[in-house]
Amino acid sequence: MEKKAVSKQTLQRLPLYLNFLKQRDPLSNVSATIIAQALSLNDVQVRKDLASISQRGRPKIGYITKELIYDIEQFLGYDNTQNAVIVGAGNLGRALLSYDGFAAQGLDIVAAFDLDNNKLGEMINGKQVMDISKLDNLCRRMKIRLGIITVPAFAAQEVCDMLVEAGVLGIWNFSPVHLKVPENVLVQNENMAFSLAMLSKHLSEKLTDSQE
């Protein structure tokens, strides 16, 4: 099936569907309604999401679970492993390097880079921490197209520029700073300060309501 363009919101929901489906009997039938009820989502929206990435749905029957899993993984590119590098081998960088779950999502972090001489040569989950001066050579040689940034804010733009210069087309940014990139480069920001602010605001409102 030819991949269609879908909204960012749909892309964010597809991994949720996938996680739910993988907990089911692969030979069982599943409908948009079942998925929506399990995840507390709108069944019309779920139906539209699934129809945008799979043509296997049948009226009153739904989908065969294993076939829908296959279609979602193909659409998300999980069947095509992407090599990536991470810049910044601090606590967050080490945690990402140590996470084995990325493999199931088609991501292989092949190396880490840092400026700290005390970290260079260290092996983290089988991946070596290398001097950042070697970043360009490795990215070009291995045709790396995805870079992960876990450096302090003041260094993030410089690291971003180095990754773009080395041919990276997608950047997963964990640094709390807005990055400037060419139009052909996509940046996905993971702003933990924003997420914490949203949670704190929600808690504050709920606690205030409970005291009234």
Foldseek 3Di string as FASTA:
>chain_A
DDADDDDPVLVVCLVVLLVVLVVDDQQAFDALVNSCVVVVHDSVVSNVSLVNQDPQQDPPGGHRSNVSNVSSLVNLVLVAAAEEEEEDCPPVVLVVQQDPVVNSSRYDDAEYEYCDPVQAQDARNNHGYHHCVCVLVVCLVVVHAEYEYDDEPVCVQVVVVSCVVSPHQEYEYAYQDDYDDDPRHYYHYDDVVVVVVVVVVVVVVVVVVVVD
